[in-house]
C-alpha atoms as a PDB file:
ATOM      1  CA  MET A   1      42.675  70.141  10.215  1.00  0.00           C
ATOM      2  CA  ASN A   2      41.439  69.142   6.778  1.00  0.00           C
ATOM      3  CA  ASN A   3      44.772  67.543   5.902  1.00  0.00           C
ATOM      4  CA  LEU A   4      44.645  65.443   9.074  1.00  0.00           C
ATOM      5  CA  LYS A   5      41.239  64.036   8.116  1.00  0.00           C
ATOM      6  CA  LYS A   6      42.441  63.251   4.612  1.00  0.00           C
ATOM      7  CA  ARG A   7      45.526  61.530   5.975  1.00  0.00           C
ATOM      8  CA  LYS A   8      43.513  59.404   8.436  1.00  0.00           C
ATOM      9  CA  LYS A   9      41.089  58.470   5.676  1.00  0.00           C
ATOM     10  CA  ALA A  10      43.970  57.468   3.400  1.00  0.00           C
ATOM     11  CA  GLU A  11      45.569  55.399   6.181  1.00  0.00           C
ATOM     12  CA  THR A  12      42.268  53.631   6.877  1.00  0.00           C
ATOM     13  CA  TYR A  13      41.833  52.873   3.171  1.00  0.00           C
ATOM     14  CA  TYR A  14      45.401  51.580   2.951  1.00  0.00           C
ATOM     15  CA  ARG A  15      44.916  49.295   5.986  1.00  0.00           C
ATOM     16  CA  ALA A  16      41.673  47.905   4.566  1.00  0.00           C
ATOM     17  CA  ASN A  17      43.331  47.137   1.239  1.00  0.00           C
ATOM     18  CA  GLN A  18      46.350  45.664   3.018  1.00  0.00           C
ATOM     19  CA  LYS A  19      44.076  43.336   5.018  1.00  0.00           C
ATOM     20  CA  GLU A  20      42.335  42.237   1.812  1.00  0.00           C
ATOM     21  CA  ASP A  21      45.675  41.619   0.096  1.00  0.00           C
ATOM     22  CA  ASP A  22      46.901  39.646   3.119  1.00  0.00           C
ATOM     23  CA  ALA A  23      43.738  37.518   3.004  1.00  0.00           C
ATOM     24  CA  ILE A  24      44.274  36.742  -0.685  1.00  0.00           C
ATOM     25  CA  ILE A  25      47.914  35.821  -0.051  1.00  0.00           C
ATOM     26  CA  THR A  26      46.866  33.532   2.806  1.00  0.00           C
ATOM     27  CA  ILE A  27      44.352  31.765   0.546  1.00  0.00           C
ATOM     28  CA  LEU A  28      46.945  31.342  -2.200  1.00  0.00           C
ATOM     29  CA  ARG A  29      49.465  29.880   0.222  1.00  0.00           C
ATOM     30  CA  ALA A  30      46.892  27.564   1.781  1.00  0.00           C
ATOM     31  CA  ASP A  31      45.698  25.904  -1.399  1.00  0.00           C
ATOM     32  CA  PRO A  32      47.754  26.747  -4.507  1.00  0.00           C
ATOM     33  CA  LYS A  33      46.555  23.719  -6.498  1.00  0.00           C
ATOM     34  CA  ARG A  34      42.922  24.693  -6.036  1.00  0.00           C
ATOM     35  CA  TYR A  35      43.646  28.270  -7.055  1.00  0.00           C
ATOM     36  CA  GLY A  36      45.539  27.015 -10.096  1.00  0.00           C
ATOM     37  CA  LYS A  37      42.554  24.924 -11.137  1.00  0.00           C
ATOM     38  CA  ILE A  38      40.268  27.912 -10.713  1.00  0.00           C
ATOM     39  CA  LEU A  39      42.515  30.081 -12.889  1.00  0.00           C
ATOM     40  CA  SER A  40      42.718  27.319 -15.482  1.00  0.00           C
ATOM     41  CA  ALA A  41      38.926  26.935 -15.568  1.00  0.00           C
ATOM     42  CA  GLU A  42      38.470  30.695 -15.897  1.00  0.00           C
ATOM     43  CA  GLY A  43      40.954  30.711 -18.790  1.00  0.00           C
ATOM     44  CA  GLU A  44      39.125  27.883 -20.547  1.00  0.00           C
ATOM     45  CA  ALA A  45      35.803  29.658 -20.059  1.00  0.00           C
ATOM     46  CA  GLU A  46      37.224  32.825 -21.594  1.00  0.00           C
ATOM     47  CA  ALA A  47      38.599  30.842 -24.546  1.00  0.00           C
ATOM     48  CA  ILE A  48      35.203  29.213 -25.154  1.00  0.00           C
ATOM     49  CA  LYS A  49      33.542  32.613 -25.000  1.00  0.00           C
ATOM     50  CA  LEU A  50      35.966  34.050 -27.577  1.00  0.00           C
ATOM     51  CA  VAL A  51      35.518  31.075 -29.925  1.00  0.00           C
ATOM     52  CA  ASN A  52      31.721  31.398 -29.717  1.00  0.00           C
ATOM     53  CA  GLU A  53      31.855  35.128 -30.388  1.00  0.00           C
ATOM     54  CA  ALA A  54      34.151  34.598 -33.374  1.00  0.00           C
ATOM     55  CA  ALA A  55      31.939  31.818 -34.724  1.00  0.00           C
ATOM     56  CA  ASN A  56      28.845  34.027 -34.496  1.00  0.00           C
ATOM     57  CA  THR A  57      30.665  36.875 -36.214  1.00  0.00           C
ATOM     58  CA  TYR A  58      32.706  35.149 -38.926  1.00  0.00           C
ATOM     59  CA  PHE A  59      31.443  31.583 -39.379  1.00  0.00           C
ATOM     60  CA  ILE A  60      28.667  32.126 -41.910  1.00  0.00           C
ATOM     61  CA  GLY A  61      27.785  31.021 -45.433  1.00  0.00           C
ATOM     62  CA  ASN A  62      30.633  29.355 -47.312  1.00  0.00           C
ATOM     63  CA  ALA A  63      32.715  29.035 -44.139  1.00  0.00           C
ATOM     64  CA  GLN A  64      30.062  26.721 -42.686  1.00  0.00           C
ATOM     65  CA  LEU A  65      29.916  24.651 -45.867  1.00  0.00           C
ATOM     66  CA  LEU A  66      33.698  24.365 -45.973  1.00  0.00           C
ATOM     67  CA  ARG A  67      33.781  23.204 -42.343  1.00  0.00           C
ATOM     68  CA  LYS A  68      31.113  20.562 -43.035  1.00  0.00           C
ATOM     69  CA  LEU A  69      33.060  19.252 -46.018  1.00  0.00           C
ATOM     70  CA  GLU A  70      36.322  19.191 -44.015  1.00  0.00           C
ATOM     71  CA  THR A  71      34.590  17.241 -41.262  1.00  0.00           C
ATOM     72  CA  LEU A  72      33.253  14.739 -43.798  1.00  0.00           C
ATOM     73  CA  GLU A  73      36.701  14.440 -45.372  1.00  0.00           C
ATOM     74  CA  LYS A  74      38.275  13.627 -41.993  1.00  0.00           C
ATOM     75  CA  SER A  75      35.607  11.024 -41.227  1.00  0.00           C
ATOM     76  CA  LEU A  76      36.140   9.284 -44.597  1.00  0.00           C
ATOM     77  CA  MET A  77      39.933   9.492 -44.493  1.00  0.00           C
ATOM     78  CA  ASN A  78      40.546   6.067 -42.945  1.00  0.00           C
ATOM     79  CA  ASN A  79      38.686   3.934 -45.515  1.00  0.00           C
ATOM     80  CA  ALA A  80      35.298   4.319 -43.881  1.00  0.00           C
ATOM     81  CA  LYS A  81      32.587   2.152 -45.377  1.00  0.00           C
ATOM     82  CA  ILE A  82      29.369   3.779 -46.593  1.00  0.00           C
ATOM     83  CA  VAL A  83      26.218   1.845 -47.402  1.00  0.00           C
ATOM     84  CA  ILE A  84      24.465   3.449 -50.348  1.00  0.00           C
ATOM     85  CA  PRO A  85      20.745   2.715 -50.705  1.00  0.00           C
ATOM     86  CA  SER A  86      19.707   1.378 -54.089  1.00  0.00           C
ATOM     87  CA  GLY A  87      18.574   4.068 -56.469  1.00  0.00           C
ATOM     88  CA  SER A  88      20.684   6.734 -54.767  1.00  0.00           C
ATOM     89  CA  GLU A  89      23.470   8.738 -56.292  1.00  0.00           C
ATOM     90  CA  LEU A  90      26.844   8.582 -54.514  1.00  0.00           C
ATOM     91  CA  VAL A  91      27.200  12.357 -54.782  1.00  0.00           C
ATOM     92  CA  ASN A  92      23.862  12.883 -53.048  1.00  0.00           C
ATOM     93  CA  VAL A  93      24.651  10.432 -50.225  1.00  0.00           C
ATOM     94  CA  ILE A  94      27.976  12.113 -49.482  1.00  0.00           C
ATOM     95  CA  GLY A  95      26.389  15.530 -49.856  1.00  0.00           C
ATOM     96  CA  GLU A  96      23.680  14.622 -47.351  1.00  0.00           C
ATOM     97  CA  MET A  97      26.370  13.379 -44.952  1.00  0.00           C
ATOM     98  CA  ALA A  98      28.031  16.792 -45.198  1.00  0.00           C
ATOM     99  CA  GLY A  99      24.726  18.619 -44.843  1.00  0.00           C
ATOM    100  CA  VAL A 100      24.759  19.857 -48.439  1.00  0.00           C
ATOM    101  CA  MET A 101      21.633  19.952 -50.564  1.00  0.00           C
ATOM    102  CA  PRO A 102      21.373  16.932 -52.860  1.00  0.00           C
ATOM    103  CA  LEU A 103      21.735  17.317 -56.624  1.00  0.00           C
ATOM    104  CA  THR A 104      18.692  16.772 -58.812  1.00  0.00           C
ATOM    105  CA  LYS A 105      18.679  15.216 -62.251  1.00  0.00           C
END
């Protein structure tokens, strides 16, 4: 008697899961482009999350300074013009652009 109850319970569980699987398959067949976009968005969200976690863990101190200087280098690469106020040192102007503390005399 106990085995019969267990078997009926297992069959009911299997049917419920089968119905759920059939519903998912129906949705996928009905609108595959939409589902693809959803998967793509979820993948991008996961990538952003991983980048943010890595940045919080590893992007500190000198790594931040290096990134600021690399960004400044890329922005000046194509002969960008910089207006330097009179009485300012070129090193300090570029340093301020990179977010680095200015040098004092």
